[in-house]
Amino acid sequence: MDCLGSDADCVEALHRLYHFLDGELTDETRLMIELHLDACGPCLDAFDFEMELRRVIASKCRDEIPAGLRERVAQAIEHEALEGS
């Protein structure tokens, strides 16, 4: 699929891609980017890549809480709350 817009449209869409993904655009600008992505294969490919990259990072970059830590933190908070009252 080729782009139906101009190179300037692609530059603008790619420049705003991260803001688009983060939901930081106005409704009007979001719609403009969505319409561009619908018509432009190369920009849609870039969008798909960034979405997949975010998904992989989110699934792989999670710290596991050591066993018992959550309980110790809850006990410390409870202890502080009781001493403060």
N, C-alpha and C. Protein backbone atom coordinates (compact mmCIF):
# COMPACT_ATOMS: atom_id res chain seq x y z
N MET A 1 0.85 -1.16 0.00
CA MET A 1 0.00 0.00 0.00
C MET A 1 0.90 1.24 0.00
N ASP A 2 0.67 2.13 -0.91
CA ASP A 2 1.43 3.37 -0.98
C ASP A 2 0.68 4.46 -0.23
N CYS A 3 1.42 5.50 0.11
CA CYS A 3 0.83 6.63 0.82
C CYS A 3 0.07 7.50 -0.17
N LEU A 4 -1.12 7.90 0.22
CA LEU A 4 -1.92 8.79 -0.62
C LEU A 4 -1.65 10.25 -0.32
N GLY A 5 -0.97 10.53 0.78
CA GLY A 5 -0.66 11.90 1.16
C GLY A 5 0.72 12.31 0.66
N SER A 6 1.16 13.45 1.15
CA SER A 6 2.49 13.93 0.76
C SER A 6 3.53 13.45 1.75
N ASP A 7 4.81 13.64 1.37
CA ASP A 7 5.89 13.31 2.30
C ASP A 7 5.76 14.11 3.58
N ALA A 8 5.27 15.33 3.48
CA ALA A 8 5.08 16.17 4.67
C ALA A 8 4.06 15.55 5.61
N ASP A 9 3.01 14.92 5.05
CA ASP A 9 2.01 14.24 5.87
C ASP A 9 2.65 13.09 6.65
N CYS A 10 3.54 12.35 5.97
CA CYS A 10 4.22 11.22 6.62
C CYS A 10 5.14 11.73 7.72
N VAL A 11 5.88 12.77 7.45
CA VAL A 11 6.78 13.32 8.46
C VAL A 11 5.99 13.76 9.68
N GLU A 12 4.87 14.43 9.45
CA GLU A 12 4.02 14.89 10.56
C GLU A 12 3.44 13.70 11.33
N ALA A 13 2.94 12.70 10.62
CA ALA A 13 2.35 11.54 11.28
C ALA A 13 3.39 10.80 12.12
N LEU A 14 4.56 10.59 11.56
CA LEU A 14 5.61 9.88 12.30
C LEU A 14 6.14 10.71 13.46
N HIS A 15 6.18 12.03 13.28
CA HIS A 15 6.63 12.92 14.36
C HIS A 15 5.67 12.83 15.55
N ARG A 16 4.40 12.67 15.27
CA ARG A 16 3.39 12.64 16.34
C ARG A 16 3.02 11.23 16.79
N LEU A 17 3.69 10.23 16.24
CA LEU A 17 3.31 8.85 16.53
C LEU A 17 3.36 8.52 18.02
N TYR A 18 4.41 8.93 18.70
CA TYR A 18 4.51 8.62 20.14
C TYR A 18 3.43 9.34 20.93
N HIS A 19 3.13 10.57 20.56
CA HIS A 19 2.05 11.30 21.24
C HIS A 19 0.71 10.62 20.96
N PHE A 20 0.56 10.12 19.74
CA PHE A 20 -0.66 9.39 19.37
C PHE A 20 -0.80 8.14 20.24
N LEU A 21 0.28 7.38 20.34
CA LEU A 21 0.24 6.14 21.13
C LEU A 21 0.00 6.40 22.61
N ASP A 22 0.48 7.53 23.10
CA ASP A 22 0.32 7.88 24.51
C ASP A 22 -1.00 8.59 24.79
N GLY A 23 -1.81 8.83 23.76
CA GLY A 23 -3.10 9.49 23.94
C GLY A 23 -2.97 10.96 24.31
N GLU A 24 -1.93 11.61 23.81
CA GLU A 24 -1.65 13.00 24.19
C GLU A 24 -2.04 14.01 23.12
N LEU A 25 -2.86 13.62 22.17
CA LEU A 25 -3.24 14.53 21.09
C LEU A 25 -4.70 14.96 21.24
N THR A 26 -5.01 16.08 20.62
CA THR A 26 -6.40 16.52 20.59
C THR A 26 -7.19 15.54 19.71
N ASP A 27 -8.49 15.53 19.86
CA ASP A 27 -9.33 14.65 19.06
C ASP A 27 -9.13 14.93 17.56
N GLU A 28 -9.01 16.20 17.21
CA GLU A 28 -8.82 16.57 15.81
C GLU A 28 -7.51 16.04 15.25
N THR A 29 -6.43 16.18 16.01
CA THR A 29 -5.12 15.71 15.56
C THR A 29 -5.10 14.19 15.52
N ARG A 30 -5.73 13.54 16.50
CA ARG A 30 -5.83 12.08 16.50
C ARG A 30 -6.52 11.58 15.25
N LEU A 31 -7.62 12.23 14.89
CA LEU A 31 -8.37 11.84 13.71
C LEU A 31 -7.51 12.02 12.45
N MET A 32 -6.77 13.11 12.39
CA MET A 32 -5.89 13.37 11.25
C MET A 32 -4.86 12.25 11.11
N ILE A 33 -4.26 11.83 12.23
CA ILE A 33 -3.26 10.77 12.21
C ILE A 33 -3.92 9.44 11.83
N GLU A 34 -5.09 9.15 12.40
CA GLU A 34 -5.79 7.90 12.08
C GLU A 34 -6.10 7.81 10.59
N LEU A 35 -6.58 8.91 10.02
CA LEU A 35 -6.89 8.93 8.59
C LEU A 35 -5.62 8.71 7.77
N HIS A 36 -4.54 9.31 8.19
CA HIS A 36 -3.28 9.13 7.48
C HIS A 36 -2.82 7.68 7.57
N LEU A 37 -2.88 7.09 8.76
CA LEU A 37 -2.46 5.70 8.93
C LEU A 37 -3.31 4.75 8.10
N ASP A 38 -4.60 5.05 7.97
CA ASP A 38 -5.49 4.22 7.15
C ASP A 38 -5.09 4.23 5.68
N ALA A 39 -4.49 5.33 5.24
CA ALA A 39 -4.17 5.50 3.82
C ALA A 39 -2.70 5.26 3.49
N CYS A 40 -1.85 5.11 4.50
CA CYS A 40 -0.41 5.08 4.25
C CYS A 40 0.22 3.81 4.83
N GLY A 41 0.54 2.88 3.97
CA GLY A 41 1.13 1.62 4.39
C GLY A 41 2.43 1.77 5.17
N PRO A 42 3.39 2.56 4.68
CA PRO A 42 4.65 2.69 5.42
C PRO A 42 4.47 3.27 6.83
N CYS A 43 3.60 4.25 6.96
CA CYS A 43 3.36 4.83 8.30
C CYS A 43 2.61 3.84 9.18
N LEU A 44 1.69 3.09 8.59
CA LEU A 44 0.97 2.07 9.35
C LEU A 44 1.93 0.99 9.83
N ASP A 45 2.90 0.63 8.98
CA ASP A 45 3.91 -0.34 9.39
C ASP A 45 4.72 0.19 10.58
N ALA A 46 5.07 1.47 10.54
CA ALA A 46 5.81 2.07 11.66
C ALA A 46 4.96 2.05 12.93
N PHE A 47 3.68 2.35 12.79
CA PHE A 47 2.75 2.32 13.91
C PHE A 47 2.67 0.90 14.49
N ASP A 48 2.49 -0.09 13.62
CA ASP A 48 2.40 -1.48 14.08
C ASP A 48 3.67 -1.91 14.80
N PHE A 49 4.82 -1.51 14.27
CA PHE A 49 6.10 -1.84 14.91
C PHE A 49 6.17 -1.25 16.31
N GLU A 50 5.82 0.02 16.44
CA GLU A 50 5.88 0.68 17.75
C GLU A 50 4.90 0.05 18.74
N MET A 51 3.72 -0.32 18.27
CA MET A 51 2.74 -0.98 19.15
C MET A 51 3.27 -2.32 19.63
N GLU A 52 3.85 -3.10 18.72
CA GLU A 52 4.40 -4.40 19.10
C GLU A 52 5.58 -4.24 20.04
N LEU A 53 6.44 -3.27 19.78
CA LEU A 53 7.58 -3.01 20.65
C LEU A 53 7.10 -2.65 22.06
N ARG A 54 6.11 -1.81 22.16
CA ARG A 54 5.56 -1.45 23.48
C ARG A 54 4.98 -2.67 24.19
N ARG A 55 4.31 -3.53 23.43
CA ARG A 55 3.71 -4.72 24.02
C ARG A 55 4.80 -5.64 24.57
N VAL A 56 5.85 -5.84 23.80
CA VAL A 56 6.94 -6.72 24.23
C VAL A 56 7.64 -6.14 25.45
N ILE A 57 7.92 -4.86 25.42
CA ILE A 57 8.57 -4.22 26.56
C ILE A 57 7.71 -4.33 27.82
N ALA A 58 6.42 -4.08 27.67
CA ALA A 58 5.52 -4.16 28.82
C ALA A 58 5.45 -5.57 29.39
N SER A 59 5.52 -6.57 28.52
CA SER A 59 5.41 -7.94 29.02
C SER A 59 6.73 -8.46 29.59
N LYS A 60 7.86 -7.95 29.14
CA LYS A 60 9.16 -8.45 29.57
C LYS A 60 9.80 -7.63 30.69
N CYS A 61 9.41 -6.41 30.82
CA CYS A 61 10.08 -5.52 31.77
C CYS A 61 9.24 -5.34 33.03
N ARG A 62 9.02 -6.42 33.70
CA ARG A 62 8.26 -6.37 34.95
C ARG A 62 9.13 -6.94 36.05
N ASP A 63 9.24 -6.18 37.10
CA ASP A 63 9.98 -6.66 38.26
C ASP A 63 9.03 -7.48 39.13
N GLU A 64 9.51 -8.61 39.59
CA GLU A 64 8.70 -9.42 40.49
C GLU A 64 9.03 -9.02 41.92
N ILE A 65 8.00 -8.92 42.73
CA ILE A 65 8.17 -8.56 44.13
C ILE A 65 8.57 -9.82 44.89
N PRO A 66 9.68 -9.75 45.63
CA PRO A 66 10.10 -10.93 46.40
C PRO A 66 9.02 -11.37 47.39
N ALA A 67 8.97 -12.67 47.61
CA ALA A 67 7.98 -13.24 48.54
C ALA A 67 8.10 -12.56 49.89
N GLY A 68 7.01 -12.19 50.45
CA GLY A 68 6.98 -11.60 51.78
C GLY A 68 7.17 -10.10 51.83
N LEU A 69 7.71 -9.49 50.77
CA LEU A 69 7.96 -8.05 50.79
C LEU A 69 6.66 -7.27 50.93
N ARG A 70 5.66 -7.66 50.16
CA ARG A 70 4.38 -6.96 50.22
C ARG A 70 3.80 -7.01 51.64
N GLU A 71 3.90 -8.17 52.26
CA GLU A 71 3.39 -8.33 53.62
C GLU A 71 4.17 -7.46 54.60
N ARG A 72 5.51 -7.43 54.47
CA ARG A 72 6.33 -6.61 55.37
C ARG A 72 6.02 -5.13 55.19
N VAL A 73 5.80 -4.70 53.97
CA VAL A 73 5.47 -3.29 53.72
C VAL A 73 4.11 -2.97 54.35
N ALA A 74 3.13 -3.86 54.15
CA ALA A 74 1.81 -3.64 54.74
C ALA A 74 1.89 -3.58 56.26
N GLN A 75 2.69 -4.44 56.86
CA GLN A 75 2.85 -4.42 58.32
C GLN A 75 3.52 -3.13 58.78
N ALA A 76 4.51 -2.66 58.04
CA ALA A 76 5.19 -1.41 58.41
C ALA A 76 4.24 -0.23 58.31
N ILE A 77 3.40 -0.21 57.30
CA ILE A 77 2.42 0.87 57.16
C ILE A 77 1.42 0.82 58.29
N GLU A 78 0.95 -0.37 58.62
CA GLU A 78 0.00 -0.53 59.72
C GLU A 78 0.63 -0.09 61.04
N HIS A 79 1.88 -0.47 61.26
CA HIS A 79 2.60 -0.09 62.48
C HIS A 79 2.72 1.43 62.58
N GLU A 80 3.08 2.07 61.49
CA GLU A 80 3.20 3.55 61.48
C GLU A 80 1.85 4.20 61.72
N ALA A 81 0.80 3.65 61.14
CA ALA A 81 -0.54 4.21 61.33
C ALA A 81 -0.98 4.10 62.78
N LEU A 82 -0.68 2.98 63.42
CA LEU A 82 -1.06 2.79 64.82
C LEU A 82 -0.27 3.72 65.74
N GLU A 83 1.00 3.91 65.45
CA GLU A 83 1.82 4.80 66.28
C GLU A 83 1.42 6.26 66.09
N GLY A 84 0.94 6.61 64.92
CA GLY A 84 0.57 7.98 64.63
C GLY A 84 -0.78 8.39 65.20
N SER A 85 -1.61 7.42 65.63
CA SER A 85 -2.93 7.79 66.13
C SER A 85 -2.97 8.04 67.61
